[in-house]
N, C-alpha and C. Protein backbone atom coordinates (compact mmCIF):
# COMPACT_ATOMS: atom_id res chain seq x y z
N MET A 1 0.83 -1.20 0.00
CA MET A 1 0.00 0.00 0.00
C MET A 1 0.87 1.26 0.00
N LYS A 2 1.93 1.30 0.83
CA LYS A 2 2.82 2.45 0.88
C LYS A 2 3.51 2.67 -0.46
N ILE A 3 3.87 1.56 -1.11
CA ILE A 3 4.57 1.66 -2.39
C ILE A 3 3.65 2.30 -3.44
N ILE A 4 2.40 1.89 -3.47
CA ILE A 4 1.45 2.44 -4.45
C ILE A 4 1.24 3.93 -4.20
N ILE A 5 1.10 4.33 -2.94
CA ILE A 5 0.91 5.74 -2.62
C ILE A 5 2.13 6.55 -3.03
N THR A 6 3.32 6.02 -2.76
CA THR A 6 4.55 6.71 -3.13
C THR A 6 4.64 6.88 -4.65
N ILE A 7 4.30 5.83 -5.39
CA ILE A 7 4.33 5.89 -6.85
C ILE A 7 3.32 6.92 -7.35
N LEU A 8 2.11 6.92 -6.78
CA LEU A 8 1.11 7.90 -7.18
C LEU A 8 1.58 9.33 -6.90
N MET A 9 2.24 9.53 -5.76
CA MET A 9 2.75 10.85 -5.43
C MET A 9 3.82 11.29 -6.42
N LEU A 10 4.70 10.37 -6.80
CA LEU A 10 5.75 10.68 -7.77
C LEU A 10 5.16 11.02 -9.14
N VAL A 11 4.17 10.25 -9.56
CA VAL A 11 3.53 10.50 -10.85
C VAL A 11 2.83 11.85 -10.83
N THR A 12 2.12 12.16 -9.74
CA THR A 12 1.43 13.44 -9.61
C THR A 12 2.42 14.59 -9.66
N PHE A 13 3.55 14.48 -8.94
CA PHE A 13 4.57 15.51 -8.95
C PHE A 13 5.14 15.69 -10.35
N SER A 14 5.40 14.57 -11.02
CA SER A 14 5.95 14.61 -12.38
C SER A 14 4.98 15.30 -13.32
N MET A 15 3.68 15.00 -13.21
CA MET A 15 2.69 15.61 -14.08
C MET A 15 2.59 17.11 -13.82
N ALA A 16 2.70 17.52 -12.55
CA ALA A 16 2.65 18.95 -12.23
C ALA A 16 3.83 19.66 -12.87
N GLY A 17 4.99 19.02 -12.85
CA GLY A 17 6.17 19.59 -13.50
C GLY A 17 5.98 19.72 -14.99
N ASP A 18 5.34 18.72 -15.61
CA ASP A 18 5.08 18.76 -17.04
C ASP A 18 4.15 19.91 -17.39
N ARG A 19 3.11 20.13 -16.56
CA ARG A 19 2.19 21.24 -16.82
C ARG A 19 2.93 22.57 -16.72
N SER A 20 3.83 22.67 -15.74
CA SER A 20 4.62 23.89 -15.58
C SER A 20 5.48 24.12 -16.83
N GLU A 21 6.14 23.09 -17.28
CA GLU A 21 6.98 23.21 -18.47
C GLU A 21 6.13 23.56 -19.69
N GLU A 22 4.98 22.92 -19.81
CA GLU A 22 4.11 23.19 -20.95
C GLU A 22 3.65 24.65 -20.95
N ALA A 23 3.28 25.17 -19.77
CA ALA A 23 2.85 26.56 -19.67
C ALA A 23 3.99 27.51 -20.05
N LEU A 24 5.21 27.19 -19.59
CA LEU A 24 6.36 28.03 -19.92
C LEU A 24 6.65 28.00 -21.42
N ARG A 25 6.54 26.82 -22.02
CA ARG A 25 6.78 26.70 -23.46
C ARG A 25 5.73 27.49 -24.27
N LEU A 26 4.48 27.48 -23.78
CA LEU A 26 3.45 28.28 -24.45
C LEU A 26 3.79 29.77 -24.39
N ARG A 27 4.31 30.23 -23.25
CA ARG A 27 4.75 31.63 -23.14
C ARG A 27 5.91 31.90 -24.09
N LEU A 28 6.89 30.99 -24.12
CA LEU A 28 8.05 31.18 -25.00
C LEU A 28 7.63 31.23 -26.47
N ASN A 29 6.58 30.50 -26.82
CA ASN A 29 6.12 30.50 -28.21
C ASN A 29 5.55 31.85 -28.63
N GLN A 30 5.21 32.70 -27.67
CA GLN A 30 4.71 34.04 -27.97
C GLN A 30 5.85 34.99 -28.37
N VAL A 31 7.07 34.61 -28.01
CA VAL A 31 8.24 35.44 -28.28
C VAL A 31 8.68 35.23 -29.74
N LYS A 32 8.82 36.33 -30.47
CA LYS A 32 9.18 36.27 -31.88
C LYS A 32 10.50 37.00 -32.13
N ILE A 33 11.30 36.47 -33.04
CA ILE A 33 12.55 37.10 -33.43
C ILE A 33 12.25 38.52 -33.92
N GLY A 34 13.07 39.48 -33.47
CA GLY A 34 12.88 40.87 -33.85
C GLY A 34 12.17 41.69 -32.78
N MET A 35 11.57 41.02 -31.78
CA MET A 35 10.95 41.76 -30.68
C MET A 35 12.01 42.52 -29.91
N THR A 36 11.61 43.61 -29.25
CA THR A 36 12.54 44.35 -28.42
C THR A 36 12.69 43.66 -27.07
N ARG A 37 13.74 44.02 -26.36
CA ARG A 37 13.96 43.48 -25.02
C ARG A 37 12.75 43.79 -24.12
N ALA A 38 12.17 44.98 -24.26
CA ALA A 38 11.00 45.37 -23.46
C ALA A 38 9.83 44.42 -23.71
N GLN A 39 9.60 44.07 -24.97
CA GLN A 39 8.51 43.14 -25.30
C GLN A 39 8.79 41.75 -24.74
N VAL A 40 10.02 41.29 -24.86
CA VAL A 40 10.40 39.97 -24.35
C VAL A 40 10.25 39.94 -22.82
N ASN A 41 10.68 41.02 -22.16
CA ASN A 41 10.60 41.06 -20.69
C ASN A 41 9.17 40.98 -20.19
N LYS A 42 8.21 41.48 -20.96
CA LYS A 42 6.80 41.40 -20.56
C LYS A 42 6.29 39.96 -20.63
N ILE A 43 6.78 39.21 -21.61
CA ILE A 43 6.31 37.83 -21.80
C ILE A 43 7.04 36.87 -20.87
N ILE A 44 8.36 37.01 -20.77
CA ILE A 44 9.15 36.13 -19.90
C ILE A 44 10.04 36.98 -18.98
N PRO A 45 9.43 37.56 -17.95
CA PRO A 45 10.22 38.39 -17.04
C PRO A 45 11.19 37.58 -16.20
N LYS A 46 12.24 38.24 -15.79
CA LYS A 46 13.23 37.64 -14.91
C LYS A 46 12.59 37.39 -13.54
N TYR A 47 12.83 36.22 -12.98
CA TYR A 47 12.32 35.88 -11.65
C TYR A 47 13.01 36.74 -10.60
N LYS A 48 12.24 37.25 -9.66
CA LYS A 48 12.79 38.14 -8.62
C LYS A 48 13.94 37.44 -7.88
N GLY A 49 15.05 38.12 -7.79
CA GLY A 49 16.22 37.59 -7.10
C GLY A 49 17.08 36.65 -7.94
N SER A 50 16.71 36.49 -9.20
CA SER A 50 17.45 35.59 -10.08
C SER A 50 18.79 36.18 -10.49
N PRO A 51 19.85 35.37 -10.40
CA PRO A 51 21.11 35.82 -10.98
C PRO A 51 20.98 35.84 -12.50
N LYS A 52 21.78 36.66 -13.15
CA LYS A 52 21.73 36.77 -14.60
C LYS A 52 23.15 36.72 -15.13
N SER A 53 23.34 35.98 -16.19
CA SER A 53 24.65 35.88 -16.84
C SER A 53 24.55 36.57 -18.20
N VAL A 54 25.52 37.43 -18.50
CA VAL A 54 25.53 38.15 -19.78
C VAL A 54 26.91 38.01 -20.42
N ILE A 55 26.91 37.63 -21.68
CA ILE A 55 28.15 37.54 -22.46
C ILE A 55 27.95 38.36 -23.73
N ILE A 56 28.87 39.28 -23.99
CA ILE A 56 28.79 40.11 -25.19
C ILE A 56 29.80 39.57 -26.20
N ASN A 57 29.31 39.31 -27.40
CA ASN A 57 30.16 38.74 -28.44
C ASN A 57 29.92 39.54 -29.72
N GLY A 58 30.81 40.46 -30.01
CA GLY A 58 30.65 41.28 -31.21
C GLY A 58 29.42 42.13 -31.12
N SER A 59 28.47 41.95 -32.03
CA SER A 59 27.25 42.74 -32.04
C SER A 59 26.07 42.01 -31.39
N ALA A 60 26.38 40.91 -30.67
CA ALA A 60 25.33 40.13 -30.02
C ALA A 60 25.58 40.03 -28.52
N GLN A 61 24.50 39.82 -27.81
CA GLN A 61 24.57 39.70 -26.36
C GLN A 61 23.79 38.44 -25.96
N PHE A 62 24.46 37.53 -25.26
CA PHE A 62 23.85 36.28 -24.82
C PHE A 62 23.53 36.40 -23.34
N GLU A 63 22.26 36.17 -22.97
CA GLU A 63 21.82 36.26 -21.58
C GLU A 63 21.22 34.95 -21.13
N THR A 64 21.42 34.66 -19.86
CA THR A 64 20.75 33.53 -19.23
C THR A 64 20.22 34.01 -17.89
N TYR A 65 18.93 33.75 -17.64
CA TYR A 65 18.35 34.10 -16.34
C TYR A 65 17.19 33.17 -16.03
N TRP A 66 16.85 33.08 -14.74
CA TRP A 66 15.76 32.23 -14.31
C TRP A 66 14.44 32.96 -14.45
N ILE A 67 13.41 32.21 -14.89
CA ILE A 67 12.06 32.77 -14.99
C ILE A 67 11.17 32.21 -13.87
N ASP A 68 11.63 31.20 -13.19
CA ASP A 68 11.07 30.74 -11.93
C ASP A 68 12.16 29.94 -11.22
N GLN A 69 11.84 29.32 -10.12
CA GLN A 69 12.91 28.65 -9.35
C GLN A 69 13.41 27.38 -10.00
N ARG A 70 12.72 26.85 -11.00
CA ARG A 70 13.13 25.59 -11.63
C ARG A 70 13.57 25.73 -13.08
N TRP A 71 13.27 26.87 -13.71
CA TRP A 71 13.54 27.02 -15.14
C TRP A 71 14.26 28.32 -15.43
N LYS A 72 15.19 28.23 -16.36
CA LYS A 72 15.86 29.44 -16.85
C LYS A 72 15.79 29.47 -18.36
N VAL A 73 16.07 30.64 -18.92
CA VAL A 73 16.08 30.80 -20.38
C VAL A 73 17.43 31.34 -20.82
N SER A 74 17.78 31.01 -22.03
CA SER A 74 18.95 31.63 -22.66
C SER A 74 18.45 32.36 -23.90
N ILE A 75 18.94 33.58 -24.08
CA ILE A 75 18.41 34.47 -25.12
C ILE A 75 19.57 35.22 -25.79
N TRP A 76 19.49 35.38 -27.10
CA TRP A 76 20.44 36.22 -27.86
C TRP A 76 19.75 37.50 -28.26
N PHE A 77 20.33 38.64 -27.88
CA PHE A 77 19.85 39.95 -28.31
C PHE A 77 20.93 40.61 -29.17
N ASP A 78 20.49 41.51 -30.05
CA ASP A 78 21.51 42.29 -30.76
C ASP A 78 22.06 43.32 -29.78
N TYR A 79 23.27 43.74 -30.02
CA TYR A 79 23.96 44.65 -29.11
C TYR A 79 24.19 46.00 -29.76
N THR A 80 23.63 46.17 -30.96
CA THR A 80 23.93 47.38 -31.73
C THR A 80 23.13 48.59 -31.27
N GLY A 81 22.05 48.39 -30.51
CA GLY A 81 21.22 49.51 -30.09
C GLY A 81 21.67 50.21 -28.82
N VAL A 82 22.81 49.83 -28.27
CA VAL A 82 23.25 50.46 -27.02
C VAL A 82 23.84 51.84 -27.29
N THR A 83 23.76 52.70 -26.30
CA THR A 83 24.31 54.05 -26.40
C THR A 83 25.83 53.99 -26.32
N ARG A 84 26.50 54.74 -27.20
CA ARG A 84 27.97 54.73 -27.24
C ARG A 84 28.50 56.16 -27.16
N ASP A 85 29.74 56.30 -26.69
CA ASP A 85 30.36 57.63 -26.68
C ASP A 85 30.97 57.90 -28.05
N LYS A 86 31.65 59.05 -28.20
CA LYS A 86 32.20 59.44 -29.51
C LYS A 86 33.24 58.46 -30.03
N SER A 87 33.94 57.78 -29.12
CA SER A 87 34.97 56.83 -29.54
C SER A 87 34.37 55.46 -29.91
N GLY A 88 33.08 55.29 -29.65
CA GLY A 88 32.44 54.02 -29.97
C GLY A 88 32.31 53.07 -28.79
N LYS A 89 32.82 53.47 -27.63
CA LYS A 89 32.73 52.63 -26.43
C LYS A 89 31.29 52.61 -25.92
N ALA A 90 30.80 51.42 -25.60
CA ALA A 90 29.43 51.27 -25.10
C ALA A 90 29.30 51.92 -23.73
N LEU A 91 28.27 52.73 -23.56
CA LEU A 91 28.00 53.38 -22.28
C LEU A 91 27.02 52.58 -21.44
N GLU A 92 26.40 51.59 -22.05
CA GLU A 92 25.47 50.71 -21.36
C GLU A 92 25.60 49.32 -21.98
N HIS A 93 25.23 48.32 -21.24
CA HIS A 93 25.37 46.96 -21.77
C HIS A 93 24.06 46.41 -22.30
N GLU A 94 22.96 47.02 -21.92
CA GLU A 94 21.68 46.57 -22.43
C GLU A 94 20.70 47.75 -22.38
N ASN A 95 19.73 47.69 -23.25
CA ASN A 95 18.63 48.65 -23.18
C ASN A 95 17.38 47.98 -23.73
N LEU A 96 16.26 48.62 -23.55
CA LEU A 96 14.99 48.02 -23.93
C LEU A 96 14.77 47.99 -25.44
N ARG A 97 15.67 48.64 -26.20
CA ARG A 97 15.55 48.65 -27.66
C ARG A 97 16.27 47.46 -28.31
N ASN A 98 17.12 46.75 -27.57
CA ASN A 98 17.82 45.60 -28.16
C ASN A 98 16.80 44.66 -28.80
N LYS A 99 17.13 44.12 -29.96
CA LYS A 99 16.23 43.22 -30.68
C LYS A 99 16.62 41.77 -30.44
N LEU A 100 15.61 40.91 -30.36
CA LEU A 100 15.81 39.48 -30.16
C LEU A 100 16.34 38.86 -31.45
N LEU A 101 17.44 38.11 -31.35
CA LEU A 101 18.06 37.50 -32.54
C LEU A 101 17.64 36.06 -32.79
N SER A 102 17.24 35.34 -31.72
CA SER A 102 16.82 33.95 -31.89
C SER A 102 15.80 33.60 -30.82
N LYS A 103 15.09 32.53 -31.03
CA LYS A 103 14.08 32.09 -30.05
C LYS A 103 14.76 31.73 -28.73
N PRO A 104 14.17 32.10 -27.61
CA PRO A 104 14.73 31.73 -26.30
C PRO A 104 14.71 30.22 -26.11
N GLN A 105 15.70 29.72 -25.41
CA GLN A 105 15.79 28.30 -25.09
C GLN A 105 15.43 28.10 -23.63
N LEU A 106 14.55 27.14 -23.33
CA LEU A 106 14.15 26.83 -21.97
C LEU A 106 15.07 25.75 -21.43
N ILE A 107 15.60 25.97 -20.23
CA ILE A 107 16.56 25.03 -19.63
C ILE A 107 16.07 24.68 -18.23
N ARG A 108 16.01 23.39 -17.93
CA ARG A 108 15.59 22.95 -16.59
C ARG A 108 16.81 22.96 -15.68
N GLU A 109 16.83 23.89 -14.73
CA GLU A 109 17.92 23.97 -13.76
C GLU A 109 17.42 24.75 -12.54
N ASP A 110 17.62 24.18 -11.36
CA ASP A 110 17.20 24.86 -10.14
C ASP A 110 18.03 26.13 -9.94
N MET A 111 17.34 27.19 -9.52
CA MET A 111 18.03 28.45 -9.24
C MET A 111 18.89 28.27 -8.00
N PRO A 112 20.14 28.73 -8.04
CA PRO A 112 21.00 28.59 -6.86
C PRO A 112 20.52 29.49 -5.72
N ALA A 113 20.84 29.07 -4.53
CA ALA A 113 20.51 29.89 -3.35
C ALA A 113 21.35 31.16 -3.38
N PRO A 114 20.79 32.26 -2.89
CA PRO A 114 21.57 33.51 -2.85
C PRO A 114 22.80 33.36 -1.96
N ILE A 115 23.85 34.06 -2.30
CA ILE A 115 25.07 34.05 -1.50
C ILE A 115 25.09 35.34 -0.70
N PRO A 116 24.84 35.28 0.60
CA PRO A 116 24.68 36.50 1.41
C PRO A 116 25.85 37.47 1.32
N TRP A 117 27.09 36.98 1.34
CA TRP A 117 28.22 37.91 1.36
C TRP A 117 28.33 38.69 0.06
N ILE A 118 27.86 38.13 -1.06
CA ILE A 118 27.89 38.87 -2.33
C ILE A 118 26.86 40.00 -2.28
N GLN A 119 25.66 39.71 -1.77
CA GLN A 119 24.64 40.74 -1.67
C GLN A 119 25.10 41.85 -0.73
N GLU A 120 25.74 41.49 0.39
CA GLU A 120 26.23 42.50 1.32
C GLU A 120 27.29 43.37 0.66
N THR A 121 28.18 42.77 -0.12
CA THR A 121 29.23 43.51 -0.82
C THR A 121 28.61 44.49 -1.81
N GLU A 122 27.60 44.03 -2.57
CA GLU A 122 26.95 44.91 -3.54
C GLU A 122 26.28 46.08 -2.84
N GLN A 123 25.67 45.85 -1.70
CA GLN A 123 25.01 46.93 -0.97
C GLN A 123 26.01 47.93 -0.46
N VAL A 124 27.15 47.45 0.04
CA VAL A 124 28.19 48.35 0.54
C VAL A 124 28.74 49.20 -0.59
N GLU A 125 29.04 48.57 -1.74
CA GLU A 125 29.57 49.32 -2.88
C GLU A 125 28.56 50.35 -3.37
N ALA A 126 27.29 49.99 -3.38
CA ALA A 126 26.26 50.92 -3.85
C ALA A 126 26.14 52.11 -2.91
N SER A 127 26.29 51.88 -1.59
CA SER A 127 26.12 52.98 -0.65
C SER A 127 27.35 53.89 -0.63
N ASP A 128 28.51 53.40 -1.06
CA ASP A 128 29.73 54.22 -1.09
C ASP A 128 29.69 55.27 -2.19
N SER A 129 28.97 54.98 -3.26
CA SER A 129 28.99 55.90 -4.40
C SER A 129 27.93 56.96 -4.32
């Protein structure tokens, strides 16, 4: 009897995860190449407290961030819309005008726990300036 209940619980949990993934994939399907970062952020916003990874490669910017505690997305944006100084140096790394270059990829990965000393360091640096 315990084995059957355990199996049913596992199947139920697995099905709930599938529904979550299916709902996220339906949201991702709304995202179209050429949309602005602002439009993409409305459809798949960054999960509160989520770390974000950004890599700039030529005229493209690759981002990865969590959209909930179990799923993250990887996205390519163009980098040509950023504000630059007279010498051509970028004054910002992202803006809401950046255009989406490819469909976002959904990745199953648990969001890491926050690291308290990093948050404390960021707060100290922010208050010094």
